Structure formats: C-alpha cells, structure tokens
Amino acid sequence: SGSTIMRLPYVREGGVSAAPDEVRGQVVKACIVLVKGTEGTEELKKEIQNYVKKRTAPYKYPRIVVFRDSLPKTTSGKIQRNKL
C-alpha cells in the first residue's frame, strides 16, 4: 500500500508499517509527508484510506494514517519502518 499511496499528487513521502491492534493483532499504519501547502485533515485521511482500499487487498489499506513533517531515515536515505 506504500507504493499506492505515493501515486497521490499531494503525497511527498510515505511509509507503511504494522501497528498493534487489540482486535486484529496488527493493522497497517501509514505515515505520510504531504507536499507543501496541503493540510492534513480527517477528510484527507479518509480519502487516502478509500483510495488505497479500492486499489489493494482489503487487509492492506491503512487503518491508521498519520501526517508528519518528515520520516525517519537511515544514513543511506531509506525509510526506517521500525520507527514509523
């Protein structure tokens, strides 16, 4: 679902990871850096979830969406998913 999220024009960076969930055990969490001038609203979270849900398997859509100013990266520039 990470590559699907990156297709959205207002997403500058995105990464997905697993987050603990009392009912399911784990759910998909998406951490997103928006392009400058885009506001991270609840409506935008729902739009992202629906976009991914329509294009991937149902279990892959992010049940948690978090907007961030930046994503944690290694010295080589890869996203550190374990820190999302």
C-alpha atoms as a PDB file:
ATOM      1  CA  SER A   1       0.000   0.000   0.000  1.00  0.00           C
ATOM      2  CA  GLY A   2       3.034   2.280   0.354  1.00  0.00           C
ATOM      3  CA  SER A   3       3.583   2.472  -3.403  1.00  0.00           C
ATOM      4  CA  THR A   4      -0.150   3.068  -3.920  1.00  0.00           C
ATOM      5  CA  ILE A   5      -0.088   5.999  -1.501  1.00  0.00           C
ATOM      6  CA  MET A   6       2.871   7.520  -3.344  1.00  0.00           C
ATOM      7  CA  ARG A   7       0.727   7.843  -6.504  1.00  0.00           C
ATOM      8  CA  LEU A   8      -1.378  10.541  -4.842  1.00  0.00           C
ATOM      9  CA  PRO A   9      -0.313  14.013  -6.053  1.00  0.00           C
ATOM     10  CA  TYR A  10      -0.332  15.578  -2.587  1.00  0.00           C
ATOM     11  CA  VAL A  11       1.939  12.927  -1.007  1.00  0.00           C
ATOM     12  CA  ARG A  12       5.644  13.840  -0.932  1.00  0.00           C
ATOM     13  CA  GLU A  13       6.785  10.801   1.093  1.00  0.00           C
ATOM     14  CA  GLY A  14       5.037   7.847   2.610  1.00  0.00           C
ATOM     15  CA  GLY A  15       5.830   4.711   4.502  1.00  0.00           C
ATOM     16  CA  VAL A  16       3.756   1.912   5.964  1.00  0.00           C
ATOM     17  CA  SER A  17       4.332  -0.283   8.974  1.00  0.00           C
ATOM     18  CA  ALA A  18       2.403  -2.556  11.306  1.00  0.00           C
ATOM     19  CA  ALA A  19       0.739  -1.141  14.400  1.00  0.00           C
ATOM     20  CA  PRO A  20      -0.639  -3.208  17.282  1.00  0.00           C
ATOM     21  CA  ASP A  21      -4.411  -3.639  17.398  1.00  0.00           C
ATOM     22  CA  GLU A  22      -6.427  -5.234  20.201  1.00  0.00           C
ATOM     23  CA  VAL A  23      -8.929  -6.876  17.847  1.00  0.00           C
ATOM     24  CA  ARG A  24      -6.862  -7.777  14.764  1.00  0.00           C
ATOM     25  CA  GLY A  25      -3.440  -8.196  16.348  1.00  0.00           C
ATOM     26  CA  GLN A  26      -1.882  -5.800  13.842  1.00  0.00           C
ATOM     27  CA  VAL A  27      -3.123  -3.219  11.363  1.00  0.00           C
ATOM     28  CA  VAL A  28      -1.459  -1.181   8.640  1.00  0.00           C
ATOM     29  CA  LYS A  29      -0.267   2.281   9.677  1.00  0.00           C
ATOM     30  CA  ALA A  30       0.668   4.867   7.055  1.00  0.00           C
ATOM     31  CA  CYS A  31       2.945   7.792   7.896  1.00  0.00           C
ATOM     32  CA  ILE A  32       2.728  10.486   5.270  1.00  0.00           C
ATOM     33  CA  VAL A  33       4.577  13.707   4.497  1.00  0.00           C
ATOM     34  CA  LEU A  34       2.348  15.959   2.411  1.00  0.00           C
ATOM     35  CA  VAL A  35       3.519  18.351  -0.268  1.00  0.00           C
ATOM     36  CA  LYS A  36       3.850  21.933   0.906  1.00  0.00           C
ATOM     37  CA  GLY A  37       0.509  23.711   1.070  1.00  0.00           C
ATOM     38  CA  THR A  38      -1.581  20.570   1.688  1.00  0.00           C
ATOM     39  CA  GLU A  39      -3.357  20.360   5.025  1.00  0.00           C
ATOM     40  CA  GLY A  40      -3.584  17.010   6.804  1.00  0.00           C
ATOM     41  CA  THR A  41      -7.272  16.808   7.701  1.00  0.00           C
ATOM     42  CA  GLU A  42      -9.554  13.978   8.785  1.00  0.00           C
ATOM     43  CA  GLU A  43     -11.209  14.174   5.359  1.00  0.00           C
ATOM     44  CA  LEU A  44      -7.833  13.716   3.676  1.00  0.00           C
ATOM     45  CA  LYS A  45      -7.131  10.674   5.877  1.00  0.00           C
ATOM     46  CA  LYS A  46     -10.410   9.107   4.749  1.00  0.00           C
ATOM     47  CA  GLU A  47      -9.649   9.955   1.105  1.00  0.00           C
ATOM     48  CA  ILE A  48      -6.261   8.211   1.371  1.00  0.00           C
ATOM     49  CA  GLN A  49      -7.815   5.169   3.039  1.00  0.00           C
ATOM     50  CA  ASN A  50     -10.521   4.894   0.380  1.00  0.00           C
ATOM     51  CA  TYR A  51      -8.017   5.354  -2.449  1.00  0.00           C
ATOM     52  CA  VAL A  52      -5.831   2.514  -1.163  1.00  0.00           C
ATOM     53  CA  LYS A  53      -8.814   0.307  -0.306  1.00  0.00           C
ATOM     54  CA  LYS A  54     -10.051   0.479  -3.926  1.00  0.00           C
ATOM     55  CA  ARG A  55      -6.637  -0.469  -5.351  1.00  0.00           C
ATOM     56  CA  THR A  56      -5.283  -3.153  -2.998  1.00  0.00           C
ATOM     57  CA  ALA A  57      -6.421  -6.138  -0.987  1.00  0.00           C
ATOM     58  CA  PRO A  58      -8.793  -5.115   1.842  1.00  0.00           C
ATOM     59  CA  TYR A  59      -6.340  -6.037   4.584  1.00  0.00           C
ATOM     60  CA  LYS A  60      -3.652  -3.764   3.101  1.00  0.00           C
ATOM     61  CA  TYR A  61      -5.393  -0.415   3.454  1.00  0.00           C
ATOM     62  CA  PRO A  62      -4.095   1.775   6.299  1.00  0.00           C
ATOM     63  CA  ARG A  63      -6.474   1.814   9.229  1.00  0.00           C
ATOM     64  CA  ILE A  64      -4.207   4.422  10.831  1.00  0.00           C
ATOM     65  CA  VAL A  65      -2.993   7.478   8.888  1.00  0.00           C
ATOM     66  CA  VAL A  66      -0.527   9.872  10.497  1.00  0.00           C
ATOM     67  CA  PHE A  67       0.739  13.072   8.902  1.00  0.00           C
ATOM     68  CA  ARG A  68       4.334  14.017   9.709  1.00  0.00           C
ATOM     69  CA  ASP A  69       6.787  16.750   8.788  1.00  0.00           C
ATOM     70  CA  SER A  70       9.432  14.130   7.938  1.00  0.00           C
ATOM     71  CA  LEU A  71      10.066  10.383   8.085  1.00  0.00           C
ATOM     72  CA  PRO A  72      12.926   8.686   9.935  1.00  0.00           C
ATOM     73  CA  LYS A  73      15.647   7.580   7.514  1.00  0.00           C
ATOM     74  CA  THR A  74      18.902   5.681   7.533  1.00  0.00           C
ATOM     75  CA  THR A  75      22.135   7.390   6.503  1.00  0.00           C
ATOM     76  CA  SER A  76      21.581   5.951   3.023  1.00  0.00           C
ATOM     77  CA  GLY A  77      18.149   7.609   2.801  1.00  0.00           C
ATOM     78  CA  LYS A  78      15.892   4.577   3.271  1.00  0.00           C
ATOM     79  CA  ILE A  79      12.792   4.954   5.451  1.00  0.00           C
ATOM     80  CA  GLN A  80      13.204   3.283   8.843  1.00  0.00           C
ATOM     81  CA  ARG A  81       9.857   1.454   9.018  1.00  0.00           C
ATOM     82  CA  ASN A  82      10.546   0.191  12.530  1.00  0.00           C
ATOM     83  CA  LYS A  83      10.480   3.827  13.708  1.00  0.00           C
ATOM     84  CA  LEU A  84       7.255   4.835  11.958  1.00  0.00           C
END
